[in-house]
Amino acid sequence: MNLLACFRPLSVCAALLLASTSFAATPATVVGDTSPSPVYAGSDVPAAHPTFTVRVMGKGRPMLLIPGLTCPGAVWDETVARYQKQYQCHVVSIAGFGGTAAAANTNQLLLNVRDQLLAYIKTQKLDKPVVVGHSLGGFMGLWLSVAEPTAVGPLVIVDSLPFLAAVQNPALTVEAAKPMAENMRQQTSKGKMTLAMQRQMVAGLVTDTARQTQVARWGQLSDPATVGQAMYDMYTTDLRQDVARIQQPVLVLGAWAAYQQYGSTKESTRAVFEQQYAKLPQHRIEMSEAGRHFLMYDDTSWFFAQTDAFLGQNKVAKK
C-alpha cells in the first residue's frame, strides 16, 4: 500500500507545512489564538516546561489538549468552546509550532515534551486528566500513558498511530527506520517551499478552504528545525508493543477518505489502525466516512458525537 494512500499527512504532508517561506514568525505568540483569557488560578511555572506553553480555560474535570505537527493550541478552539463548561481545559502549544518561539534546544524534543507534560500534570495536581490529541498530539497522549500508566485518564486519539514509520511495512524496526528519518529531518530542517505548494498539500489534510489557509499559515510560521526533530522523533519511536501498558480506555478516530485516489479503502485503512493498536487492552477504533486528517474540522459533528459518548461512558474524578 502506498504510504500516502495509507496514513501520510502526519509526516510527508506535514513536512511541507514548514516555517520557511514568506511569513515571519512572531516569537511567543500563538497565531490565530483568539480564545478568552484563562480563568485558571493555578501556580504554573512556565520555566519548568520550556518545550511547551499552556493556556487554561473552563472548570471541572481536567482535560489536556495536545495539537499536531506545526499547529498551536488554537487548533482546539472549537473543542475548548464545547467542553470548557464541564472540563478545565489545559491547551498545549509546543514551542516552535505555529508561530510560538522555538525552544533553545530541540534535541530529543518529543521525549522532553513527554517528561515535562508528566511533570506538569503532577505539579498542577491534575487527577487523571482526559487527554485529547491530534496527530503528533495523539502519539504524545499514548506516550504519556505508556510512560506512567496511572498519570492520565481516558485518551481520545485523533488520526494517529503508535509507530508512524511502519505504516507501509509492519515489519519495520526503529533501527531500519532511522536512515529515512534522518533524511527527513535534514530535508525538513533546511527546506523552503512556496505558499502555493503548501496549500496544495494542505488540501489533502483539511477540506474547508479557510481552514486550509490557516493550517498552511501555521506551517509557514513553524520553526523548521523543530518540525524536523519532531518528525524524526515520531519516526524512531515505536509504541506498538508498549501500548499494552496503557490501563485506561482509548478512543481512536481515524481518517481515510482523502486517500481513495491512491487506492485506500475504509477497510484497508482501518486494518492498519487495528494492526498498530492490537496490543492496546481497552480501545475502540472508529473511522470517519468523509473527514480528512483534521477530523475536528472536517467531520465536526461526528467528532463531537464520538467524543461526547466516549467521555460520558468514562467519567473521571474532578480535580
Protein backbone atom coordinates (compact mmCIF):
# COMPACT_ATOMS: atom_id res chain seq x y z
CA MET A 1 0.00 0.00 0.00
CA ASN A 2 1.31 3.41 -0.94
CA LEU A 3 2.42 5.42 2.08
CA LEU A 4 0.34 8.44 1.11
CA ALA A 5 -2.57 6.16 0.38
CA CYS A 6 -2.50 4.89 3.85
CA PHE A 7 -1.54 7.36 6.51
CA ARG A 8 0.58 10.05 5.33
CA PRO A 9 -0.06 13.67 6.43
CA LEU A 10 1.35 13.31 9.88
CA SER A 11 4.70 13.22 8.21
CA VAL A 12 5.08 13.51 4.48
CA CYS A 13 2.48 16.23 4.02
CA ALA A 14 3.25 17.90 7.32
CA ALA A 15 6.84 18.22 6.20
CA LEU A 16 5.52 20.60 3.61
CA LEU A 17 3.98 22.89 6.23
CA LEU A 18 7.23 24.50 7.15
CA ALA A 19 8.05 27.88 8.57
CA SER A 20 10.26 28.84 5.73
CA THR A 21 8.53 30.90 3.10
CA SER A 22 7.00 34.34 3.04
CA PHE A 23 5.73 34.76 6.61
CA ALA A 24 7.97 35.61 9.55
CA ALA A 25 7.31 34.01 12.92
CA THR A 26 6.21 36.16 15.81
CA PRO A 27 8.01 34.88 18.91
CA ALA A 28 5.91 33.75 21.85
CA THR A 29 2.65 34.39 20.02
CA VAL A 30 0.08 31.78 19.05
CA VAL A 31 -1.15 32.81 15.63
CA GLY A 32 -4.92 32.78 15.33
CA ASP A 33 -5.38 32.18 19.04
CA THR A 34 -8.26 34.47 19.96
CA SER A 35 -9.75 32.50 22.83
CA PRO A 36 -10.71 34.28 26.05
CA SER A 37 -8.11 34.85 28.73
CA PRO A 38 -7.61 31.90 31.06
CA VAL A 39 -9.71 31.70 34.19
CA TYR A 40 -7.27 29.29 35.78
CA ALA A 41 -5.72 30.35 39.07
CA GLY A 42 -3.08 27.65 39.29
CA SER A 43 0.58 28.09 40.13
CA ASP A 44 2.14 27.12 36.84
CA VAL A 45 5.83 27.90 36.34
CA PRO A 46 6.41 28.19 32.56
CA ALA A 47 10.18 27.91 33.00
CA ALA A 48 9.64 24.35 34.20
CA HIS A 49 8.40 23.31 30.74
CA PRO A 50 10.35 25.23 28.06
CA THR A 51 9.19 22.85 25.33
CA PHE A 52 5.57 23.99 25.54
CA THR A 53 3.19 26.62 26.87
CA VAL A 54 -0.26 26.05 28.36
CA ARG A 55 -3.46 28.06 28.33
CA VAL A 56 -6.18 27.03 30.77
CA MET A 57 -9.90 27.71 30.30
CA GLY A 58 -13.03 26.45 31.97
CA LYS A 59 -13.67 24.46 35.09
CA GLY A 60 -14.48 20.91 36.05
CA ARG A 61 -12.65 17.71 35.29
CA PRO A 62 -9.16 18.30 33.85
CA MET A 63 -8.66 17.83 30.11
CA LEU A 64 -5.28 18.09 28.35
CA LEU A 65 -5.48 19.01 24.66
CA ILE A 66 -2.36 18.46 22.52
CA PRO A 67 -2.12 19.69 18.89
CA GLY A 68 -0.45 18.06 15.92
CA LEU A 69 2.66 18.87 13.93
CA THR A 70 3.08 22.62 13.19
CA CYS A 71 -0.21 23.53 14.92
CA PRO A 72 -0.55 25.70 18.03
CA GLY A 73 -3.14 25.09 20.72
CA ALA A 74 -5.58 27.30 18.79
CA VAL A 75 -6.39 24.27 16.65
CA TRP A 76 -8.56 23.18 19.60
CA ASP A 77 -10.54 26.44 19.96
CA GLU A 78 -13.88 24.91 18.94
CA THR A 79 -13.25 21.86 21.10
CA VAL A 80 -12.49 24.04 24.10
CA ALA A 81 -15.64 26.07 23.47
CA ARG A 82 -17.67 22.87 23.63
CA TYR A 83 -16.11 21.36 26.74
CA GLN A 84 -14.99 24.25 28.94
CA LYS A 85 -18.26 24.28 30.92
CA GLN A 86 -17.62 20.70 32.03
CA TYR A 87 -13.85 20.46 31.86
CA GLN A 88 -10.87 22.54 32.89
CA CYS A 89 -9.12 22.62 29.52
CA HIS A 90 -5.32 22.73 29.58
CA VAL A 91 -4.41 23.62 25.98
CA VAL A 92 -0.82 22.86 24.99
CA SER A 93 1.22 24.70 22.34
CA ILE A 94 4.55 23.03 21.58
CA ALA A 95 7.41 25.51 21.31
CA GLY A 96 8.28 26.25 17.69
CA PHE A 97 4.90 25.32 16.20
CA GLY A 98 2.51 27.76 14.59
CA GLY A 99 4.32 30.96 15.49
CA THR A 100 5.35 30.16 19.05
CA ALA A 101 9.01 30.74 19.93
CA ALA A 102 11.18 27.67 19.44
CA ALA A 103 12.89 26.01 22.38
CA ALA A 104 16.58 26.74 22.80
CA ASN A 105 17.39 23.05 22.42
CA THR A 106 15.39 20.71 20.18
CA ASN A 107 17.46 17.61 20.91
CA GLN A 108 15.13 14.74 21.93
CA LEU A 109 12.28 17.21 21.59
CA LEU A 110 9.33 14.87 22.00
CA LEU A 111 10.90 12.97 24.87
CA ASN A 112 11.36 16.29 26.67
CA VAL A 113 7.77 17.31 25.87
CA ARG A 114 6.56 14.00 27.28
CA ASP A 115 8.52 14.27 30.51
CA GLN A 116 7.64 17.93 31.03
CA LEU A 117 3.96 17.21 30.43
CA LEU A 118 4.05 14.45 33.04
CA ALA A 119 5.71 16.85 35.47
CA TYR A 120 3.07 19.49 34.65
CA ILE A 121 0.28 17.02 35.43
CA LYS A 122 1.87 16.30 38.79
CA THR A 123 2.68 19.87 39.80
CA GLN A 124 -0.79 21.09 38.81
CA LYS A 125 -2.31 18.12 40.67
CA LEU A 126 -4.42 17.10 37.72
CA ASP A 127 -6.30 13.96 38.69
CA LYS A 128 -6.16 11.60 35.70
CA PRO A 129 -6.88 14.24 33.06
CA VAL A 130 -8.64 13.27 29.88
CA VAL A 131 -6.11 13.59 27.05
CA VAL A 132 -7.28 14.65 23.59
CA GLY A 133 -4.52 14.57 20.98
CA HIS A 134 -4.46 15.13 17.23
CA SER A 135 -1.77 13.63 15.02
CA LEU A 136 1.52 14.19 16.89
CA GLY A 137 -0.63 15.07 19.90
CA GLY A 138 -2.30 11.68 19.74
CA PHE A 139 1.07 9.98 19.64
CA MET A 140 2.09 12.06 22.67
CA GLY A 141 -1.06 11.03 24.54
CA LEU A 142 -0.18 7.39 24.03
CA TRP A 143 3.41 8.01 25.12
CA LEU A 144 2.32 9.76 28.31
CA SER A 145 0.22 6.79 29.28
CA VAL A 146 2.89 4.26 28.34
CA ALA A 147 5.45 6.10 30.47
CA GLU A 148 3.18 6.48 33.52
CA PRO A 149 0.03 4.38 33.11
CA THR A 150 -1.71 5.88 36.14
CA ALA A 151 -0.94 9.53 35.36
CA VAL A 152 -3.71 10.22 32.85
CA GLY A 153 -7.31 9.28 32.28
CA PRO A 154 -9.19 8.30 29.10
CA LEU A 155 -7.49 9.06 25.78
CA VAL A 156 -9.06 10.44 22.60
CA ILE A 157 -6.59 9.84 19.76
CA VAL A 158 -7.38 11.74 16.55
CA ASP A 159 -5.85 10.21 13.40
CA SER A 160 -2.58 8.99 14.87
CA LEU A 161 -0.65 5.72 15.21
CA PRO A 162 1.81 4.18 17.69
CA PHE A 163 4.57 3.86 15.03
CA LEU A 164 4.15 6.09 12.00
CA ALA A 165 7.16 4.73 10.12
CA ALA A 166 5.67 1.22 9.92
CA VAL A 167 2.51 2.18 8.03
CA GLN A 168 3.76 0.75 4.77
CA ASN A 169 5.80 -2.08 6.27
CA PRO A 170 4.57 -3.52 9.59
CA ALA A 171 7.86 -5.41 9.99
CA LEU A 172 9.91 -2.21 10.03
CA THR A 173 12.10 -1.68 13.10
CA VAL A 174 13.30 1.56 14.64
CA GLU A 175 16.85 0.87 13.51
CA ALA A 176 15.72 0.29 9.95
CA ALA A 177 13.66 3.49 10.05
CA LYS A 178 16.49 5.72 11.24
CA PRO A 179 18.13 6.46 7.84
CA MET A 180 14.79 7.52 6.38
CA ALA A 181 14.00 9.55 9.50
CA GLU A 182 17.38 11.26 9.44
CA ASN A 183 16.99 12.20 5.79
CA MET A 184 13.55 13.59 6.57
CA ARG A 185 14.93 15.60 9.47
CA GLN A 186 17.70 17.08 7.35
CA GLN A 187 15.44 17.97 4.45
CA THR A 188 12.73 19.42 6.66
CA SER A 189 15.15 21.47 8.72
CA LYS A 190 16.52 23.32 5.72
CA GLY A 191 13.69 23.12 3.22
CA LYS A 192 11.76 26.00 1.72
CA MET A 193 8.50 25.70 -0.14
CA THR A 194 6.21 28.07 -1.95
CA LEU A 195 2.90 29.03 -0.41
CA ALA A 196 1.08 27.58 -3.41
CA MET A 197 2.72 24.19 -2.93
CA GLN A 198 2.00 24.25 0.78
CA ARG A 199 -1.66 24.98 0.17
CA GLN A 200 -1.83 22.19 -2.37
CA MET A 201 -0.56 19.70 0.18
CA VAL A 202 -2.75 21.07 2.96
CA ALA A 203 -5.75 20.36 0.74
CA GLY A 204 -5.12 16.70 1.48
CA LEU A 205 -5.40 17.36 5.21
CA VAL A 206 -8.50 19.52 5.52
CA THR A 207 -11.42 20.29 3.20
CA ASP A 208 -12.54 23.84 4.01
CA THR A 209 -10.50 26.45 2.12
CA ALA A 210 -10.37 28.89 5.03
CA ARG A 211 -9.05 26.10 7.24
CA GLN A 212 -6.52 25.23 4.56
CA THR A 213 -5.23 28.79 4.64
CA GLN A 214 -4.93 28.75 8.43
CA VAL A 215 -3.18 25.38 8.59
CA ALA A 216 -0.78 26.40 5.81
CA ARG A 217 -0.01 29.64 7.63
CA TRP A 218 0.69 27.78 10.86
CA GLY A 219 3.08 25.60 8.90
CA GLN A 220 4.88 28.60 7.47
CA LEU A 221 5.21 30.12 10.91
CA SER A 222 6.70 26.98 12.45
CA ASP A 223 10.39 26.56 13.12
CA PRO A 224 11.87 24.13 10.54
CA ALA A 225 14.42 22.61 12.95
CA THR A 226 11.67 21.93 15.49
CA VAL A 227 9.42 20.34 12.87
CA GLY A 228 12.27 18.21 11.55
CA GLN A 229 13.20 16.98 15.01
CA ALA A 230 9.59 16.20 15.90
CA MET A 231 9.22 14.15 12.74
CA TYR A 232 12.46 12.31 13.45
CA ASP A 233 11.34 11.52 16.98
CA MET A 234 8.00 10.11 15.80
CA TYR A 235 9.63 8.04 13.08
CA THR A 236 12.11 6.50 15.53
CA THR A 237 9.76 5.73 18.43
CA ASP A 238 7.77 2.51 18.26
CA LEU A 239 4.95 2.23 20.81
CA ARG A 240 3.16 -0.75 19.25
CA GLN A 241 4.26 -3.19 21.95
CA ASP A 242 4.38 -0.61 24.74
CA VAL A 243 0.70 0.31 24.42
CA ALA A 244 -0.02 -2.93 26.26
CA ARG A 245 0.85 -0.97 29.43
CA ILE A 246 -1.97 1.52 28.93
CA GLN A 247 -4.63 0.89 31.55
CA GLN A 248 -7.33 3.37 30.61
CA PRO A 249 -9.90 3.24 27.79
CA VAL A 250 -8.87 4.75 24.47
CA LEU A 251 -10.98 6.08 21.61
CA VAL A 252 -9.14 6.14 18.27
CA LEU A 253 -10.67 8.24 15.49
CA GLY A 254 -9.29 7.60 12.03
CA ALA A 255 -9.50 9.23 8.58
CA TRP A 256 -9.22 7.61 5.17
CA ALA A 257 -11.39 9.39 2.57
CA ALA A 258 -8.69 11.71 1.20
CA TYR A 259 -6.60 8.72 0.13
CA GLN A 260 -9.12 6.92 -2.06
CA GLN A 261 -7.31 8.28 -5.11
CA TYR A 262 -4.24 6.29 -4.04
CA GLY A 263 -6.18 3.06 -3.67
CA SER A 264 -7.08 3.20 0.02
CA THR A 265 -10.42 1.97 1.26
CA LYS A 266 -12.06 2.42 4.62
CA GLU A 267 -11.41 -1.26 5.32
CA SER A 268 -7.73 -1.22 4.31
CA THR A 269 -7.01 1.88 6.37
CA ARG A 270 -8.88 0.52 9.36
CA ALA A 271 -6.78 -2.66 9.09
CA VAL A 272 -3.62 -0.56 9.54
CA PHE A 273 -5.07 1.01 12.67
CA GLU A 274 -6.17 -2.38 14.02
CA GLN A 275 -2.71 -3.85 13.47
CA GLN A 276 -0.90 -0.99 15.17
CA TYR A 277 -3.28 -0.88 18.15
CA ALA A 278 -3.56 -4.66 18.54
CA LYS A 279 -1.73 -4.73 21.89
CA LEU A 280 -3.80 -1.91 23.43
CA PRO A 281 -6.12 -3.50 26.01
CA GLN A 282 -9.13 -1.15 26.07
CA HIS A 283 -9.62 0.59 22.76
CA ARG A 284 -12.25 1.31 20.16
CA ILE A 285 -11.45 2.41 16.62
CA GLU A 286 -13.95 4.50 14.66
CA MET A 287 -13.40 5.66 11.09
CA SER A 288 -14.85 8.89 9.71
CA GLU A 289 -16.74 8.47 6.45
CA ALA A 290 -15.67 11.72 4.81
CA GLY A 291 -13.26 13.60 7.08
CA ARG A 292 -9.64 14.23 6.23
CA HIS A 293 -6.78 14.39 8.70
CA PHE A 294 -8.17 17.33 10.72
CA LEU A 295 -11.28 15.45 11.80
CA MET A 296 -12.33 18.10 14.31
CA TYR A 297 -12.58 20.48 11.33
CA ASP A 298 -13.76 18.17 8.55
CA ASP A 299 -16.28 15.97 10.40
CA THR A 300 -17.07 18.14 13.39
CA SER A 301 -20.47 16.73 14.32
CA TRP A 302 -19.18 13.18 14.10
CA PHE A 303 -16.05 14.07 16.07
CA PHE A 304 -18.07 15.61 18.89
CA ALA A 305 -20.65 12.81 18.88
CA GLN A 306 -17.92 10.18 19.21
CA THR A 307 -16.04 12.13 21.87
CA ASP A 308 -19.17 13.02 23.84
CA ALA A 309 -20.28 9.40 24.00
CA PHE A 310 -16.83 8.17 24.97
CA LEU A 311 -16.40 10.73 27.72
CA GLY A 312 -19.88 10.00 29.01
CA GLN A 313 -19.02 6.33 29.30
CA ASN A 314 -15.70 7.00 31.01
CA LYS A 315 -16.27 9.57 33.72
CA VAL A 316 -13.17 10.63 35.64
CA ALA A 317 -12.87 12.26 39.00
CA LYS A 318 -12.94 16.03 39.27
CA LYS A 319 -9.77 17.85 40.17
